[in-house]
Amino acid sequence: MKKNDVSMIVHEIALATNNSEQLVADLYTAVAMDMKRDARIMDFVPLLAARRVREDLKARPTAK
């Protein structure tokens, strides 16, 4: 996956979840690396990693 594509995914998730791009990028990188270890088809890793990061961030309680 191109770096530009990853940046775009991170940016969209950050906007959708109201989190910093740095936090999203760190989570995305960790999740994607974890998934790549066990993946048989690499084409789906970016999509699945983005989905997991988005769901994890939405499930977090927000501080007020």
N, C-alpha and C. Protein backbone atom coordinates (compact mmCIF):
# COMPACT_ATOMS: atom_id res chain seq x y z
N MET A 1 0.85 -1.18 0.00
CA MET A 1 0.00 0.00 0.00
C MET A 1 0.89 1.23 0.00
N LYS A 2 0.51 2.22 -0.76
CA LYS A 2 1.28 3.45 -0.86
C LYS A 2 1.16 4.25 0.43
N LYS A 3 2.23 4.98 0.75
CA LYS A 3 2.23 5.81 1.96
C LYS A 3 1.11 6.83 1.91
N ASN A 4 0.82 7.36 0.72
CA ASN A 4 -0.24 8.35 0.56
C ASN A 4 -1.60 7.74 0.92
N ASP A 5 -1.81 6.49 0.55
CA ASP A 5 -3.07 5.81 0.87
C ASP A 5 -3.22 5.64 2.38
N VAL A 6 -2.16 5.25 3.04
CA VAL A 6 -2.19 5.08 4.50
C VAL A 6 -2.47 6.42 5.17
N SER A 7 -1.84 7.47 4.69
CA SER A 7 -2.06 8.80 5.26
C SER A 7 -3.52 9.22 5.11
N MET A 8 -4.10 8.90 3.98
CA MET A 8 -5.50 9.24 3.73
C MET A 8 -6.42 8.45 4.67
N ILE A 9 -6.14 7.17 4.84
CA ILE A 9 -6.94 6.34 5.74
C ILE A 9 -6.85 6.87 7.17
N VAL A 10 -5.63 7.17 7.61
CA VAL A 10 -5.41 7.69 8.96
C VAL A 10 -6.16 9.00 9.15
N HIS A 11 -6.07 9.88 8.17
CA HIS A 11 -6.74 11.18 8.25
C HIS A 11 -8.26 11.01 8.37
N GLU A 12 -8.84 10.14 7.54
CA GLU A 12 -10.28 9.91 7.57
C GLU A 12 -10.74 9.33 8.90
N ILE A 13 -9.99 8.38 9.44
CA ILE A 13 -10.35 7.79 10.73
C ILE A 13 -10.24 8.82 11.84
N ALA A 14 -9.19 9.63 11.80
CA ALA A 14 -9.01 10.67 12.82
C ALA A 14 -10.18 11.65 12.81
N LEU A 15 -10.62 12.05 11.64
CA LEU A 15 -11.77 12.96 11.54
C LEU A 15 -13.05 12.30 12.03
N ALA A 16 -13.26 11.06 11.63
CA ALA A 16 -14.50 10.36 11.98
C ALA A 16 -14.61 10.06 13.47
N THR A 17 -13.47 9.86 14.12
CA THR A 17 -13.49 9.49 15.53
C THR A 17 -13.07 10.62 16.46
N ASN A 18 -12.77 11.77 15.89
CA ASN A 18 -12.36 12.95 16.67
C ASN A 18 -11.13 12.66 17.53
N ASN A 19 -10.12 12.05 16.90
CA ASN A 19 -8.85 11.75 17.56
C ASN A 19 -7.71 12.34 16.74
N SER A 20 -6.54 12.42 17.35
CA SER A 20 -5.39 12.97 16.64
C SER A 20 -4.90 11.98 15.58
N GLU A 21 -4.34 12.53 14.52
CA GLU A 21 -3.80 11.68 13.47
C GLU A 21 -2.64 10.84 13.98
N GLN A 22 -1.86 11.38 14.91
CA GLN A 22 -0.73 10.64 15.46
C GLN A 22 -1.21 9.40 16.21
N LEU A 23 -2.25 9.54 17.02
CA LEU A 23 -2.81 8.40 17.75
C LEU A 23 -3.33 7.35 16.77
N VAL A 24 -4.08 7.79 15.78
CA VAL A 24 -4.64 6.87 14.79
C VAL A 24 -3.52 6.18 14.01
N ALA A 25 -2.50 6.93 13.62
CA ALA A 25 -1.38 6.35 12.87
C ALA A 25 -0.66 5.29 13.70
N ASP A 26 -0.44 5.56 14.97
CA ASP A 26 0.22 4.59 15.84
C ASP A 26 -0.61 3.32 15.98
N LEU A 27 -1.91 3.48 16.21
CA LEU A 27 -2.80 2.32 16.34
C LEU A 27 -2.87 1.53 15.03
N TYR A 28 -3.01 2.25 13.92
CA TYR A 28 -3.11 1.61 12.60
C TYR A 28 -1.85 0.80 12.30
N THR A 29 -0.70 1.38 12.57
CA THR A 29 0.57 0.69 12.32
C THR A 29 0.67 -0.58 13.15
N ALA A 30 0.32 -0.49 14.42
CA ALA A 30 0.40 -1.65 15.30
C ALA A 30 -0.57 -2.75 14.86
N VAL A 31 -1.79 -2.37 14.53
CA VAL A 31 -2.80 -3.35 14.12
C VAL A 31 -2.41 -3.98 12.79
N ALA A 32 -1.96 -3.18 11.83
CA ALA A 32 -1.59 -3.69 10.52
C ALA A 32 -0.40 -4.65 10.62
N MET A 33 0.58 -4.31 11.43
CA MET A 33 1.74 -5.19 11.60
C MET A 33 1.33 -6.51 12.24
N ASP A 34 0.43 -6.45 13.22
CA ASP A 34 -0.06 -7.65 13.88
C ASP A 34 -0.82 -8.54 12.89
N MET A 35 -1.65 -7.92 12.07
CA MET A 35 -2.43 -8.69 11.10
C MET A 35 -1.55 -9.29 10.01
N LYS A 36 -0.52 -8.57 9.60
CA LYS A 36 0.36 -9.06 8.52
C LYS A 36 1.09 -10.33 8.93
N ARG A 37 1.34 -10.50 10.22
CA ARG A 37 2.03 -11.70 10.69
C ARG A 37 1.25 -12.97 10.36
N ASP A 38 -0.08 -12.90 10.47
CA ASP A 38 -0.91 -14.09 10.28
C ASP A 38 -1.67 -14.10 8.96
N ALA A 39 -1.60 -13.02 8.20
CA ALA A 39 -2.41 -12.91 6.98
C ALA A 39 -1.89 -13.81 5.87
N ARG A 40 -2.82 -14.38 5.16
CA ARG A 40 -2.48 -15.16 3.97
C ARG A 40 -2.67 -14.33 2.71
N ILE A 41 -3.63 -13.43 2.76
CA ILE A 41 -3.91 -12.54 1.62
C ILE A 41 -3.67 -11.12 2.09
N MET A 42 -2.59 -10.54 1.64
CA MET A 42 -2.18 -9.21 2.11
C MET A 42 -3.06 -8.08 1.58
N ASP A 43 -3.80 -8.32 0.52
CA ASP A 43 -4.62 -7.27 -0.08
C ASP A 43 -5.67 -6.73 0.89
N PHE A 44 -6.12 -7.54 1.82
CA PHE A 44 -7.19 -7.13 2.72
C PHE A 44 -6.71 -6.53 4.04
N VAL A 45 -5.43 -6.60 4.31
CA VAL A 45 -4.89 -6.11 5.58
C VAL A 45 -5.21 -4.64 5.82
N PRO A 46 -4.98 -3.73 4.86
CA PRO A 46 -5.29 -2.32 5.11
C PRO A 46 -6.76 -2.08 5.45
N LEU A 47 -7.65 -2.73 4.74
CA LEU A 47 -9.08 -2.58 4.99
C LEU A 47 -9.46 -3.09 6.38
N LEU A 48 -8.98 -4.27 6.72
CA LEU A 48 -9.31 -4.86 8.02
C LEU A 48 -8.66 -4.10 9.17
N ALA A 49 -7.44 -3.61 8.97
CA ALA A 49 -6.77 -2.82 10.01
C ALA A 49 -7.51 -1.52 10.24
N ALA A 50 -7.93 -0.87 9.17
CA ALA A 50 -8.69 0.39 9.30
C ALA A 50 -9.99 0.15 10.04
N ARG A 51 -10.67 -0.93 9.72
CA ARG A 51 -11.93 -1.25 10.38
C ARG A 51 -11.72 -1.48 11.88
N ARG A 52 -10.68 -2.24 12.22
CA ARG A 52 -10.43 -2.53 13.63
C ARG A 52 -10.07 -1.26 14.40
N VAL A 53 -9.24 -0.40 13.82
CA VAL A 53 -8.85 0.84 14.50
C VAL A 53 -10.08 1.72 14.71
N ARG A 54 -10.91 1.84 13.68
CA ARG A 54 -12.13 2.66 13.78
C ARG A 54 -13.04 2.13 14.88
N GLU A 55 -13.24 0.83 14.92
CA GLU A 55 -14.11 0.22 15.95
C GLU A 55 -13.51 0.38 17.34
N ASP A 56 -12.20 0.19 17.47
CA ASP A 56 -11.55 0.35 18.77
C ASP A 56 -11.68 1.77 19.29
N LEU A 57 -11.49 2.74 18.42
CA LEU A 57 -11.58 4.14 18.84
C LEU A 57 -13.01 4.54 19.19
N LYS A 58 -13.98 4.02 18.46
CA LYS A 58 -15.38 4.34 18.76
C LYS A 58 -15.81 3.70 20.08
N ALA A 59 -15.21 2.57 20.44
CA ALA A 59 -15.58 1.87 21.67
C ALA A 59 -14.95 2.49 22.91
N ARG A 60 -13.94 3.32 22.73
CA ARG A 60 -13.27 3.96 23.87
C ARG A 60 -14.18 4.99 24.51
N PRO A 61 -14.16 5.04 25.83
CA PRO A 61 -14.93 6.12 26.49
C PRO A 61 -14.23 7.46 26.24
N THR A 62 -15.01 8.50 26.08
CA THR A 62 -14.46 9.82 25.84
C THR A 62 -14.32 10.58 27.14
N ALA A 63 -13.24 11.31 27.28
CA ALA A 63 -13.01 12.13 28.48
C ALA A 63 -13.71 13.46 28.32
N LYS A 64 -14.31 13.93 29.41
CA LYS A 64 -15.01 15.23 29.35
C LYS A 64 -14.37 16.23 30.26
